[in-house]
Amino acid sequence: MASTQERERQVTAAKDAPPLGARELTRWVWRQLTSMRTALILLFLLAVASIPGTLIPQRRINPVTVAEFIRNNPGLSRWYEKLGLFDVFGSPWFGAIYLLLLVSLLGCILPRTLAHWRLIRSRPPVAPRRLERLSVHRSWTTDTPPEKVLAAARDRLRAARYRVVADEGPAGSSLSGERGYLREVGNLLFHMAIVVVLVGVAIGSLFGFRGTVLVVVGNGFANTVTQYDGYQGGGLFKESQLAPFSFTVKSFKVKFATNGEESGSPRSFDAALAYTPRPGATTRDYHLRINHPLHVDGTQIHLSGHGYAPRFTVRDGSGKVAFSGPVPFLPQDANFSSTGVVKVPDARPKQFGFEGFFLPTGMIDQQRGPISAFPDALRPMVFLTGYTGNLGLDEGVPQSVYSLDKTRLTQLKGGDGPWRKSLEPGQTAALPGGGSIRLDGYTRWVNLQISSNPGAPVALVGAVLALFGLLLSLVVRRRRVWVRVGTDNGRTVVAIAGMDKGERLSSRAPGVARAAPDEGDRAEREGRSGPAGADDDETRDLAVEIDRIAADLPGRAAPAGEESP
């Protein structure tokens, strides 16, 4: 009844309270923003907001895929454009979440840092009046003068890295020792490291770039935006800042396991590059391997993939060579069964387009049809079907080089159905209506990731600091120890006790730790829920340390709660 009346009074007082002014409202909003709960919510929102950036094609990474998506989904694309989902990581709402998270973390960390600094400068708390009520305590009597006992206790506590302060009280002289301040330092360092990582990621996103390019062996690359297959530059990164290097892929070698259960698994990759750091510079050689990138003027070149590029020669109906060269096919499985298209826009009177798949070690399976039995090129084969008509390359709409737009194409017919052919190196197939296609052989291609991330060192420092702070917060324990010395019947009475910060306190004695449970309570608790667990482990660890300190003091320490005769 009393609690109900109290709640009613609180509700009435809340209704009668004056409205918040601008200053009070601002302080309330700031307190909400800088709470740890808000920081966790914002961190969760940042993770959720990143999901569309991995599921929806991004304009900065692959504009061709975005153009195809818009063409195939015009209604949905309008909403995606309004919400900025084609550029998630550059959208205002993503940047707002990122900035709010930084502000929230800093608002949490700075006040806690100041409070911890004041705590470090303050003195340890005075010893409780009833040390025997603490969970771990020892007491005994000795003939050693109190001054010598206190001096020995002070030396022992300082040797154990306690900060020691002496006090005088009605119960006798006492020492207060406290250590473990690095635990909170580790906690603050961990949270500050998260801010450092976020800042490092932001620096890399704003001032760096990342691109991918597929280069056929024998071809070259110059570091300009137009030569990238996919390019994503930071908001403050200018294309003129690209390092002016160039390179040629001279060869690519890959070895596969041929025996045992790991047959077909790659063993080594080696791409031989000849590169020049800048125009006019001396050409240098470098062997690019997995986890061994090439560094040129702050730009890293990583080997991220490889595949096959069959070489074709296509003649049109007049017998002229309309196309000749390698065409990259994309691997679809571990045995490098690869798919691709051949576009021949220069064929006359109509353009040609071919779809097919390349098999490095081709064979015909009775159930699955043509398959590749091994990733290395032991018996290369290509299976093709052809189309004729208008490829749509002159419409001004970007197309993927790995797919055909068949809206204005007609499939070639052969016999009773669509024209299909399988070719091995050196074989030629005639095309219905005139023309031919020849498989000249194959070469390899490599996929390279080229990037510059000036924020990577900052993020690395943040990650190391986070690990160090986490170890400090897990390993270091905040602990307090008190030693009191008094006299009784001409003898010196020594009492020592301690407690860990965060230990639950006894309801019978406010301000001191809970009393140690007796055997009956312990048995009853273990009978209900098993062993006591972490609390008892910490108590045992504290008891061991108290015993070590007591062992170095004058007199002989008896078991807890007893006095030596």
Protein backbone atom coordinates (compact mmCIF):
# COMPACT_ATOMS: atom_id res chain seq x y z
CA MET A 1 0.00 0.00 0.00
CA ALA A 2 2.80 2.37 0.92
CA SER A 3 4.64 1.61 -2.31
CA THR A 4 1.48 2.34 -4.32
CA GLN A 5 1.08 5.70 -2.61
CA GLU A 6 4.74 6.48 -3.21
CA ARG A 7 4.37 5.75 -6.95
CA GLU A 8 1.28 7.96 -7.09
CA ARG A 9 3.21 10.80 -5.44
CA GLN A 10 6.04 10.35 -7.96
CA VAL A 11 3.60 10.46 -10.88
CA THR A 12 1.96 13.58 -9.46
CA ALA A 13 5.34 15.24 -8.95
CA ALA A 14 6.33 14.38 -12.53
CA LYS A 15 3.16 15.95 -13.86
CA ASP A 16 3.67 19.10 -11.79
CA ALA A 17 7.35 19.43 -12.79
CA PRO A 18 8.14 22.36 -15.08
CA PRO A 19 8.94 21.53 -18.73
CA LEU A 20 12.58 21.01 -19.70
CA GLY A 21 14.33 24.06 -21.02
CA ALA A 22 16.72 24.05 -23.95
CA ARG A 23 19.74 23.63 -21.69
CA GLU A 24 18.22 20.78 -19.68
CA LEU A 25 17.02 19.06 -22.85
CA THR A 26 20.48 19.34 -24.39
CA ARG A 27 22.07 17.84 -21.28
CA TRP A 28 19.54 14.99 -21.28
CA VAL A 29 20.18 14.24 -24.96
CA TRP A 30 23.94 14.33 -24.35
CA ARG A 31 23.66 11.92 -21.41
CA GLN A 32 21.58 9.53 -23.52
CA LEU A 33 24.00 9.74 -26.46
CA THR A 34 27.09 9.16 -24.34
CA SER A 35 25.73 6.18 -22.44
CA MET A 36 27.29 2.79 -23.05
CA ARG A 37 23.88 1.40 -23.98
CA THR A 38 23.60 3.92 -26.83
CA ALA A 39 27.13 3.09 -27.99
CA LEU A 40 26.25 -0.61 -28.18
CA ILE A 41 23.03 0.17 -30.07
CA LEU A 42 24.93 2.34 -32.57
CA LEU A 43 27.57 -0.36 -33.01
CA PHE A 44 24.80 -2.85 -33.78
CA LEU A 45 23.16 -0.40 -36.20
CA LEU A 46 26.49 0.10 -37.99
CA ALA A 47 26.80 -3.65 -38.49
CA VAL A 48 23.21 -3.91 -39.76
CA ALA A 49 23.68 -0.89 -42.05
CA SER A 50 26.69 -2.60 -43.66
CA ILE A 51 24.61 -5.58 -44.80
CA PRO A 52 23.02 -3.85 -47.85
CA GLY A 53 26.51 -2.86 -49.00
CA THR A 54 27.42 -6.53 -49.33
CA LEU A 55 24.14 -7.72 -50.86
CA ILE A 56 23.30 -4.88 -53.26
CA PRO A 57 25.72 -3.97 -56.10
CA GLN A 58 27.62 -0.80 -55.33
CA ARG A 59 28.18 1.89 -57.95
CA ARG A 60 31.73 2.69 -56.83
CA ILE A 61 32.80 -0.96 -57.07
CA ASN A 62 30.99 -2.23 -60.16
CA PRO A 63 28.95 0.34 -62.11
CA VAL A 64 28.21 -2.20 -64.87
CA THR A 65 26.43 -4.52 -62.45
CA VAL A 66 24.47 -1.57 -61.05
CA ALA A 67 23.42 -0.55 -64.57
CA GLU A 68 22.20 -4.09 -65.28
CA PHE A 69 20.31 -4.18 -61.97
CA ILE A 70 18.58 -0.87 -62.77
CA ARG A 71 17.66 -2.10 -66.25
CA ASN A 72 16.21 -5.36 -64.88
CA ASN A 73 14.51 -3.84 -61.80
CA PRO A 74 13.43 -0.27 -62.65
CA GLY A 75 10.77 0.04 -59.92
CA LEU A 76 12.93 -1.30 -57.10
CA SER A 77 15.92 0.68 -58.31
CA ARG A 78 14.09 3.99 -57.82
CA TRP A 79 13.70 3.22 -54.11
CA TYR A 80 17.31 2.06 -53.88
CA GLU A 81 18.45 5.36 -55.40
CA LYS A 82 16.37 7.39 -52.94
CA LEU A 83 17.75 5.43 -49.99
CA GLY A 84 21.32 5.54 -51.27
CA LEU A 85 21.61 1.74 -51.33
CA PHE A 86 23.78 1.76 -54.45
CA ASP A 87 26.42 3.66 -52.45
CA VAL A 88 25.83 2.50 -48.88
CA PHE A 89 29.22 3.39 -47.43
CA GLY A 90 29.13 6.86 -48.95
CA SER A 91 25.53 7.64 -47.99
CA PRO A 92 24.71 10.39 -45.48
CA TRP A 93 22.80 8.04 -43.15
CA PHE A 94 25.72 5.59 -42.92
CA GLY A 95 28.10 8.46 -42.21
CA ALA A 96 25.72 9.78 -39.54
CA ILE A 97 25.69 6.42 -37.73
CA TYR A 98 29.48 6.25 -37.95
CA LEU A 99 29.93 9.79 -36.59
CA LEU A 100 27.39 9.28 -33.78
CA LEU A 101 29.19 6.10 -32.74
CA LEU A 102 32.50 7.97 -32.50
CA VAL A 103 30.90 10.77 -30.46
CA SER A 104 29.12 8.28 -28.20
CA LEU A 105 32.30 6.31 -27.50
CA LEU A 106 34.31 9.44 -26.79
CA GLY A 107 31.53 10.73 -24.54
CA CYS A 108 31.65 7.44 -22.62
CA ILE A 109 35.43 7.23 -22.38
CA LEU A 110 36.51 10.75 -21.44
CA PRO A 111 34.38 11.13 -18.27
CA ARG A 112 35.39 7.65 -17.14
CA THR A 113 39.04 8.50 -17.77
CA LEU A 114 38.79 11.64 -15.64
CA ALA A 115 36.98 9.75 -12.89
CA HIS A 116 39.65 7.03 -12.90
CA TRP A 117 42.39 9.64 -12.79
CA ARG A 118 40.79 11.18 -9.69
CA LEU A 119 40.48 7.70 -8.17
CA ILE A 120 44.18 7.00 -8.74
CA ARG A 121 45.10 10.26 -7.03
CA SER A 122 42.81 9.60 -4.07
CA ARG A 123 43.92 7.60 -1.07
CA PRO A 124 42.84 4.00 -0.41
CA PRO A 125 39.78 3.67 1.85
CA VAL A 126 40.22 3.44 5.60
CA ALA A 127 40.15 -0.05 7.11
CA PRO A 128 36.67 -1.24 8.18
CA ARG A 129 36.13 -1.41 11.94
CA ARG A 130 35.28 -5.13 11.91
CA LEU A 131 37.89 -6.81 9.71
CA GLU A 132 36.65 -10.24 10.78
CA ARG A 133 33.48 -9.70 8.78
CA LEU A 134 35.37 -9.64 5.51
CA SER A 135 35.31 -12.83 3.47
CA VAL A 136 39.06 -13.42 3.92
CA HIS A 137 40.75 -12.44 7.16
CA ARG A 138 43.52 -13.63 9.48
CA SER A 139 44.42 -12.64 13.05
CA TRP A 140 47.02 -13.62 15.59
CA THR A 141 49.01 -12.27 18.54
CA THR A 142 52.73 -11.74 18.82
CA ASP A 143 55.31 -10.25 21.18
CA THR A 144 56.75 -8.02 18.44
CA PRO A 145 56.12 -4.29 19.03
CA PRO A 146 53.30 -2.80 16.91
CA GLU A 147 55.68 -0.40 15.18
CA LYS A 148 57.82 -3.24 13.81
CA VAL A 149 54.75 -5.19 12.68
CA LEU A 150 53.44 -2.15 10.82
CA ALA A 151 56.83 -1.52 9.23
CA ALA A 152 57.08 -5.14 8.09
CA ALA A 153 53.51 -5.03 6.76
CA ARG A 154 54.19 -1.79 4.87
CA ASP A 155 57.29 -3.28 3.24
CA ARG A 156 55.46 -6.48 2.33
CA LEU A 157 52.48 -4.66 0.80
CA ARG A 158 54.70 -2.35 -1.20
CA ALA A 159 56.68 -5.36 -2.44
CA ALA A 160 53.34 -6.75 -3.67
CA ARG A 161 52.76 -3.46 -5.58
CA TYR A 162 50.12 -2.09 -3.21
CA ARG A 163 49.73 1.62 -2.67
CA VAL A 164 49.89 1.93 1.13
CA VAL A 165 48.51 4.60 3.47
CA ALA A 166 48.76 4.57 7.31
CA ASP A 167 45.85 5.53 9.60
CA GLU A 168 45.27 5.92 13.32
CA GLY A 169 41.97 4.97 14.93
CA PRO A 170 40.39 3.96 18.23
CA ALA A 171 40.93 0.29 17.39
CA GLY A 172 44.65 0.80 16.72
CA SER A 173 47.02 1.70 13.93
CA SER A 174 46.23 0.36 10.47
CA LEU A 175 47.50 0.22 6.93
CA SER A 176 45.29 0.47 3.85
CA GLY A 177 46.65 -1.02 0.64
CA GLU A 178 45.10 -0.98 -2.80
CA ARG A 179 46.26 -2.16 -6.22
CA GLY A 180 44.84 -3.19 -9.60
CA TYR A 181 44.22 0.26 -11.08
CA LEU A 182 45.44 -1.12 -14.41
CA ARG A 183 42.25 -3.15 -14.70
CA GLU A 184 40.19 -0.04 -15.36
CA VAL A 185 43.04 1.36 -17.45
CA GLY A 186 42.78 -1.77 -19.62
CA ASN A 187 39.04 -1.34 -19.88
CA LEU A 188 39.40 2.29 -20.94
CA LEU A 189 42.23 1.38 -23.32
CA PHE A 190 40.05 -1.26 -24.98
CA HIS A 191 37.25 1.22 -25.61
CA MET A 192 39.67 3.87 -26.79
CA ALA A 193 41.21 1.32 -29.15
CA ILE A 194 37.78 0.82 -30.74
CA VAL A 195 37.75 4.55 -31.47
CA VAL A 196 41.26 4.30 -32.95
CA VAL A 197 40.14 1.42 -35.19
CA LEU A 198 37.10 3.40 -36.34
CA VAL A 199 39.30 6.41 -37.07
CA GLY A 200 41.72 4.20 -39.02
CA VAL A 201 38.89 2.73 -41.08
CA ALA A 202 37.56 6.24 -41.73
CA ILE A 203 41.00 7.45 -42.88
CA GLY A 204 41.31 4.50 -45.24
CA SER A 205 37.81 5.05 -46.61
CA LEU A 206 38.34 8.77 -47.17
CA PHE A 207 41.94 8.94 -48.37
CA GLY A 208 42.48 5.50 -49.92
CA PHE A 209 41.24 3.52 -52.89
CA ARG A 210 40.71 -0.08 -53.92
CA GLY A 211 40.41 -1.62 -57.35
CA THR A 212 40.48 -4.98 -59.10
CA VAL A 213 41.76 -5.84 -62.54
CA LEU A 214 41.94 -9.05 -64.56
CA VAL A 215 45.11 -9.25 -66.65
CA VAL A 216 45.77 -11.93 -69.24
CA VAL A 217 49.31 -13.28 -69.19
CA GLY A 218 51.36 -11.33 -71.71
CA ASN A 219 49.28 -8.16 -71.30
CA GLY A 220 50.06 -5.09 -69.24
CA PHE A 221 48.39 -2.61 -66.93
CA ALA A 222 48.90 1.11 -66.32
CA ASN A 223 47.58 2.55 -63.06
CA THR A 224 44.75 4.69 -64.39
CA VAL A 225 41.09 4.51 -63.45
CA THR A 226 39.96 3.50 -66.95
CA GLN A 227 41.97 0.26 -66.79
CA TYR A 228 40.33 -1.05 -63.64
CA ASP A 229 37.52 -3.60 -63.85
CA GLY A 230 36.22 -2.37 -60.50
CA TYR A 231 37.34 0.82 -58.75
CA GLN A 232 36.32 2.45 -55.48
CA GLY A 233 38.00 5.68 -54.46
CA GLY A 234 37.69 7.42 -51.11
CA GLY A 235 35.63 10.54 -50.73
CA LEU A 236 38.74 12.72 -50.41
CA PHE A 237 40.95 10.69 -52.75
CA LYS A 238 41.67 12.23 -56.14
CA GLU A 239 42.41 10.17 -59.22
CA SER A 240 45.47 12.32 -59.84
CA GLN A 241 46.96 10.82 -56.66
CA LEU A 242 47.25 7.36 -58.23
CA ALA A 243 50.87 6.23 -58.32
CA PRO A 244 52.07 6.29 -61.97
CA PHE A 245 53.33 2.70 -62.09
CA SER A 246 52.74 0.12 -64.80
CA PHE A 247 53.48 -3.58 -65.15
CA THR A 248 53.29 -6.53 -67.50
CA VAL A 249 52.37 -10.06 -66.45
CA LYS A 250 55.13 -12.09 -68.09
CA SER A 251 54.04 -15.53 -66.87
CA PHE A 252 51.92 -17.31 -64.32
CA LYS A 253 52.69 -20.72 -62.88
CA VAL A 254 50.47 -22.80 -60.63
CA LYS A 255 51.06 -26.26 -59.22
CA PHE A 256 48.33 -28.65 -58.11
CA ALA A 257 48.54 -31.75 -55.94
CA THR A 258 48.25 -34.89 -58.08
CA ASN A 259 48.03 -37.65 -55.48
CA GLY A 260 46.04 -38.54 -52.39
CA GLU A 261 42.92 -37.01 -50.94
CA GLU A 262 44.17 -33.50 -51.70
CA SER A 263 44.51 -34.17 -55.41
CA GLY A 264 43.60 -31.02 -57.32
CA SER A 265 44.39 -28.67 -54.42
CA PRO A 266 46.67 -25.75 -55.35
CA ARG A 267 50.19 -25.94 -53.99
CA SER A 268 51.80 -22.74 -55.23
CA PHE A 269 51.09 -19.64 -57.30
CA ASP A 270 53.70 -17.45 -58.95
CA ALA A 271 53.01 -14.51 -61.24
CA ALA A 272 56.15 -13.00 -62.78
CA LEU A 273 55.75 -9.23 -63.19
CA ALA A 274 57.93 -6.65 -64.90
CA TYR A 275 57.03 -3.25 -63.46
CA THR A 276 58.20 0.36 -63.60
CA PRO A 277 57.46 2.59 -60.56
CA ARG A 278 57.09 5.69 -62.80
CA PRO A 279 57.50 6.59 -66.44
CA GLY A 280 61.13 6.52 -67.47
CA ALA A 281 62.23 4.46 -64.47
CA THR A 282 64.17 1.21 -64.77
CA THR A 283 62.03 -1.90 -65.24
CA ARG A 284 62.15 -4.28 -62.28
CA ASP A 285 61.10 -7.90 -61.87
CA TYR A 286 58.94 -9.23 -59.06
CA HIS A 287 57.39 -12.63 -58.34
CA LEU A 288 53.89 -12.03 -57.02
CA ARG A 289 52.60 -14.76 -54.72
CA ILE A 290 49.80 -15.23 -52.22
CA ASN A 291 50.47 -13.11 -49.10
CA HIS A 292 53.53 -11.56 -50.79
CA PRO A 293 52.16 -8.36 -52.37
CA LEU A 294 54.11 -5.89 -54.43
CA HIS A 295 54.49 -2.45 -52.80
CA VAL A 296 54.87 0.54 -55.12
CA ASP A 297 54.74 4.10 -53.73
CA GLY A 298 52.26 3.25 -50.97
CA THR A 299 50.13 1.02 -53.23
CA GLN A 300 49.81 -2.72 -52.65
CA ILE A 301 49.25 -5.24 -55.46
CA HIS A 302 47.84 -8.55 -54.28
CA LEU A 303 47.30 -11.75 -56.24
CA SER A 304 43.68 -12.71 -55.53
CA GLY A 305 42.71 -15.22 -58.23
CA HIS A 306 43.47 -16.86 -61.56
CA GLY A 307 41.83 -18.70 -64.40
CA TYR A 308 41.93 -19.57 -68.09
CA ALA A 309 41.48 -17.46 -71.21
CA PRO A 310 40.81 -19.56 -74.36
CA ARG A 311 42.20 -18.03 -77.56
CA PHE A 312 39.80 -17.85 -80.49
CA THR A 313 39.91 -16.77 -84.13
CA VAL A 314 36.51 -15.89 -85.63
CA ARG A 315 35.92 -15.28 -89.34
CA ASP A 316 32.71 -13.69 -90.64
CA GLY A 317 30.68 -14.63 -93.70
CA SER A 318 33.13 -12.90 -96.03
CA GLY A 319 36.04 -14.94 -94.70
CA LYS A 320 37.74 -11.98 -92.99
CA VAL A 321 39.11 -12.30 -89.48
CA ALA A 322 36.61 -10.44 -87.30
CA PHE A 323 38.15 -11.38 -83.96
CA SER A 324 41.34 -13.01 -82.72
CA GLY A 325 42.68 -13.19 -79.19
CA PRO A 326 42.20 -14.56 -75.68
CA VAL A 327 38.88 -14.30 -73.84
CA PRO A 328 38.84 -14.67 -70.04
CA PHE A 329 36.44 -17.35 -68.76
CA LEU A 330 35.42 -17.36 -65.08
CA PRO A 331 35.91 -20.57 -63.02
CA GLN A 332 32.78 -22.09 -61.52
CA ASP A 333 34.15 -24.97 -59.42
CA ALA A 334 37.32 -26.36 -57.86
CA ASN A 335 38.27 -28.09 -61.13
CA PHE A 336 38.10 -24.75 -62.96
CA SER A 337 35.14 -25.52 -65.20
CA SER A 338 34.81 -21.99 -66.57
CA THR A 339 32.09 -20.03 -68.34
CA GLY A 340 32.40 -17.05 -70.63
CA VAL A 341 31.23 -15.32 -73.79
CA VAL A 342 32.90 -14.27 -77.03
CA LYS A 343 31.58 -11.05 -78.60
CA VAL A 344 32.41 -10.31 -82.23
CA PRO A 345 31.03 -6.83 -83.01
CA ASP A 346 33.11 -6.46 -86.20
CA ALA A 347 31.56 -9.45 -87.99
CA ARG A 348 29.58 -8.71 -91.17
CA PRO A 349 26.84 -8.70 -92.27
CA LYS A 350 25.67 -9.51 -88.73
CA GLN A 351 27.50 -9.58 -85.43
CA PHE A 352 28.34 -12.86 -83.69
CA GLY A 353 28.09 -13.81 -80.03
CA PHE A 354 29.10 -17.11 -78.43
CA GLU A 355 28.41 -18.63 -75.01
CA GLY A 356 30.34 -21.56 -73.71
CA PHE A 357 32.38 -23.20 -71.03
CA PHE A 358 36.04 -24.16 -70.94
CA LEU A 359 37.19 -27.43 -69.36
CA PRO A 360 40.92 -27.66 -68.48
CA THR A 361 40.76 -31.46 -68.33
CA GLY A 362 37.64 -32.24 -70.29
CA MET A 363 35.71 -35.48 -70.19
CA ILE A 364 32.14 -36.63 -70.79
CA ASP A 365 30.31 -37.96 -67.75
CA GLN A 366 27.37 -40.24 -68.51
CA GLN A 367 25.12 -38.46 -66.00
CA ARG A 368 26.47 -34.90 -65.72
CA GLY A 369 27.69 -34.45 -69.26
CA PRO A 370 30.90 -32.51 -70.02
CA ILE A 371 32.94 -31.87 -66.90
CA SER A 372 36.50 -31.03 -65.91
CA ALA A 373 38.23 -33.82 -64.00
CA PHE A 374 41.26 -31.78 -62.87
CA PRO A 375 42.06 -28.06 -62.50
CA ASP A 376 45.24 -28.17 -64.58
CA ALA A 377 45.05 -28.03 -68.37
CA LEU A 378 45.70 -31.69 -69.25
CA ARG A 379 43.05 -31.97 -71.99
CA PRO A 380 41.57 -28.52 -72.68
CA MET A 381 38.19 -28.42 -74.38
CA VAL A 382 35.60 -25.75 -75.06
CA PHE A 383 31.85 -26.23 -75.65
CA LEU A 384 30.09 -23.41 -77.53
CA THR A 385 26.71 -22.26 -78.77
CA GLY A 386 26.36 -19.24 -81.05
CA TYR A 387 24.11 -16.28 -81.77
CA THR A 388 23.87 -13.73 -84.56
CA GLY A 389 22.28 -10.29 -84.75
CA ASN A 390 22.92 -7.05 -82.81
CA LEU A 391 25.03 -7.30 -79.65
CA GLY A 392 23.78 -3.89 -78.42
CA LEU A 393 27.27 -2.55 -77.81
CA ASP A 394 26.52 0.72 -79.62
CA GLU A 395 23.55 1.70 -77.44
CA GLY A 396 25.63 3.58 -74.87
CA VAL A 397 24.55 1.25 -72.05
CA PRO A 398 27.45 -0.52 -70.29
CA GLN A 399 27.49 -4.31 -70.54
CA SER A 400 29.30 -7.03 -68.70
CA VAL A 401 32.00 -8.76 -70.74
CA TYR A 402 30.92 -12.05 -69.19
CA SER A 403 27.30 -12.11 -70.43
CA LEU A 404 25.35 -11.63 -73.65
CA ASP A 405 22.37 -9.33 -74.14
CA LYS A 406 20.18 -11.66 -76.20
CA THR A 407 17.25 -9.30 -76.72
CA ARG A 408 18.24 -8.72 -80.37
CA LEU A 409 20.15 -11.92 -81.03
CA THR A 410 19.01 -15.10 -82.77
CA GLN A 411 20.53 -18.45 -81.83
CA LEU A 412 22.32 -20.24 -84.65
CA LYS A 413 20.62 -23.39 -85.85
CA GLY A 414 22.32 -26.57 -86.83
CA GLY A 415 20.50 -29.68 -87.96
CA ASP A 416 17.42 -30.30 -85.84
CA GLY A 417 18.23 -27.87 -83.04
CA PRO A 418 20.50 -25.11 -81.78
CA TRP A 419 24.05 -25.08 -83.08
CA ARG A 420 26.51 -26.49 -80.52
CA LYS A 421 30.12 -27.51 -80.94
CA SER A 422 32.98 -28.85 -78.85
CA LEU A 423 36.50 -27.85 -79.80
CA GLU A 424 39.99 -28.81 -78.77
CA PRO A 425 43.06 -26.66 -79.47
CA GLY A 426 43.64 -26.39 -83.22
CA GLN A 427 40.09 -27.40 -84.25
CA THR A 428 37.77 -25.20 -86.34
CA ALA A 429 33.97 -25.26 -86.54
CA ALA A 430 31.98 -23.82 -89.46
CA LEU A 431 29.10 -21.51 -88.61
CA PRO A 432 25.63 -21.87 -90.12
CA GLY A 433 25.17 -19.16 -92.77
CA GLY A 434 28.91 -18.60 -93.20
CA GLY A 435 31.92 -17.94 -91.06
CA SER A 436 33.95 -20.07 -88.64
CA ILE A 437 35.40 -20.17 -85.17
CA ARG A 438 38.71 -21.75 -84.24
CA LEU A 439 40.15 -22.63 -80.80
CA ASP A 440 43.80 -21.64 -81.11
CA GLY A 441 44.70 -22.69 -77.55
CA TYR A 442 44.57 -21.09 -74.15
CA THR A 443 46.50 -18.82 -71.86
CA ARG A 444 46.07 -17.94 -68.19
CA TRP A 445 44.88 -14.78 -66.49
CA VAL A 446 45.40 -13.41 -63.01
CA ASN A 447 43.07 -11.27 -60.94
CA LEU A 448 44.85 -8.55 -58.98
CA GLN A 449 43.64 -6.37 -56.16
CA ILE A 450 45.33 -2.97 -56.14
CA SER A 451 44.76 -0.75 -53.14
CA SER A 452 46.10 2.04 -50.98
CA ASN A 453 44.93 2.27 -47.39
CA PRO A 454 46.66 4.98 -45.35
CA GLY A 455 44.45 4.14 -42.38
CA ALA A 456 45.70 0.54 -42.12
CA PRO A 457 48.59 1.36 -39.72
CA VAL A 458 46.19 3.33 -37.50
CA ALA A 459 43.70 0.46 -37.44
CA LEU A 460 46.53 -1.99 -36.69
CA VAL A 461 47.67 0.10 -33.73
CA GLY A 462 44.07 0.19 -32.51
CA ALA A 463 43.76 -3.60 -32.79
CA VAL A 464 46.99 -4.13 -30.82
CA LEU A 465 45.86 -1.67 -28.15
CA ALA A 466 42.47 -3.39 -27.94
CA LEU A 467 44.15 -6.76 -27.37
CA PHE A 468 46.49 -5.29 -24.75
CA GLY A 469 43.63 -3.53 -22.97
CA LEU A 470 41.50 -6.67 -23.00
CA LEU A 471 44.34 -8.68 -21.45
CA LEU A 472 44.80 -6.06 -18.73
CA SER A 473 41.10 -6.02 -17.89
CA LEU A 474 40.96 -9.81 -17.71
CA VAL A 475 44.22 -10.52 -15.88
CA VAL A 476 44.55 -7.63 -13.39
CA ARG A 477 42.32 -7.66 -10.31
CA ARG A 478 41.37 -4.64 -8.27
CA ARG A 479 42.17 -5.61 -4.68
CA ARG A 480 42.26 -4.00 -1.24
CA VAL A 481 44.12 -5.24 1.83
CA TRP A 482 44.06 -3.86 5.37
CA VAL A 483 46.38 -4.54 8.28
CA ARG A 484 45.45 -3.40 11.79
CA VAL A 485 47.74 -3.61 14.81
CA GLY A 486 46.59 -3.17 18.40
CA THR A 487 47.55 -4.31 21.94
CA ASP A 488 45.80 -6.65 24.35
CA ASN A 489 47.24 -7.61 27.77
CA GLY A 490 50.71 -6.45 26.73
CA ARG A 491 50.74 -8.44 23.48
CA THR A 492 50.41 -7.17 19.93
CA VAL A 493 47.21 -8.20 18.14
CA VAL A 494 47.55 -8.36 14.33
CA ALA A 495 44.56 -8.54 11.99
CA ILE A 496 44.78 -8.66 8.19
CA ALA A 497 41.90 -8.87 5.72
CA GLY A 498 41.20 -8.16 2.08
CA MET A 499 38.53 -7.98 -0.57
CA ASP A 500 38.35 -7.75 -4.34
CA LYS A 501 36.58 -4.81 -5.93
CA GLY A 502 33.06 -5.81 -6.90
CA GLU A 503 32.77 -8.41 -4.14
CA ARG A 504 29.25 -8.59 -2.78
CA LEU A 505 28.79 -7.01 0.61
CA SER A 506 27.09 -8.42 3.68
CA SER A 507 23.65 -7.01 4.41
CA ARG A 508 24.44 -7.22 8.12
CA ALA A 509 27.36 -4.82 7.93
CA PRO A 510 27.07 -2.05 5.38
CA GLY A 511 30.35 -1.01 3.89
CA VAL A 512 32.18 -4.32 4.41
CA ALA A 513 32.27 -7.57 2.50
CA ARG A 514 29.93 -10.44 3.16
CA ALA A 515 31.05 -12.91 5.79
CA ALA A 516 32.62 -16.17 4.71
CA PRO A 517 29.93 -18.86 4.41
CA ASP A 518 30.02 -21.71 6.86
CA GLU A 519 30.19 -25.30 5.73
CA GLY A 520 26.44 -25.79 6.04
CA ASP A 521 25.65 -22.84 3.78
CA ARG A 522 28.30 -23.95 1.31
CA ALA A 523 26.94 -27.51 1.18
CA GLU A 524 23.38 -26.25 0.74
CA ARG A 525 24.42 -23.91 -2.09
CA GLU A 526 26.42 -26.60 -3.89
CA GLY A 527 23.56 -29.01 -3.47
CA ARG A 528 21.25 -26.60 -5.27
CA SER A 529 23.50 -25.38 -8.08
CA GLY A 530 26.74 -27.32 -8.01
CA PRO A 531 30.18 -25.87 -7.15
CA ALA A 532 30.35 -22.24 -6.17
CA GLY A 533 32.31 -21.26 -9.31
CA ALA A 534 34.02 -17.98 -10.07
CA ASP A 535 33.24 -16.22 -6.76
CA ASP A 536 34.83 -19.01 -4.71
CA ASP A 537 37.80 -19.14 -7.08
CA GLU A 538 38.44 -15.44 -6.52
CA THR A 539 38.02 -15.88 -2.77
CA ARG A 540 40.54 -18.71 -2.74
CA ASP A 541 43.00 -16.63 -4.76
CA LEU A 542 42.59 -13.75 -2.30
CA ALA A 543 43.05 -16.11 0.64
CA VAL A 544 46.32 -17.39 -0.83
CA GLU A 545 47.64 -13.84 -1.17
CA ILE A 546 46.56 -12.89 2.37
CA ASP A 547 48.36 -15.97 3.68
CA ARG A 548 51.51 -15.03 1.79
CA ILE A 549 51.49 -11.53 3.24
CA ALA A 550 50.75 -12.79 6.73
CA ALA A 551 53.54 -15.38 6.52
CA ASP A 552 56.12 -12.59 6.23
CA LEU A 553 54.86 -10.72 9.27
CA PRO A 554 56.10 -11.27 12.83
CA GLY A 555 54.30 -14.10 14.61
CA ARG A 556 52.64 -17.18 13.16
CA ALA A 557 49.29 -16.82 11.41
CA ALA A 558 46.61 -19.26 12.47
CA PRO A 559 43.70 -20.39 10.27
CA ALA A 560 41.09 -17.78 9.44
CA GLY A 561 39.11 -16.59 12.42
CA GLU A 562 41.49 -18.06 15.02
CA GLU A 563 44.22 -16.56 17.15
CA SER A 564 47.51 -18.16 17.99
CA PRO A 565 48.04 -18.96 21.68
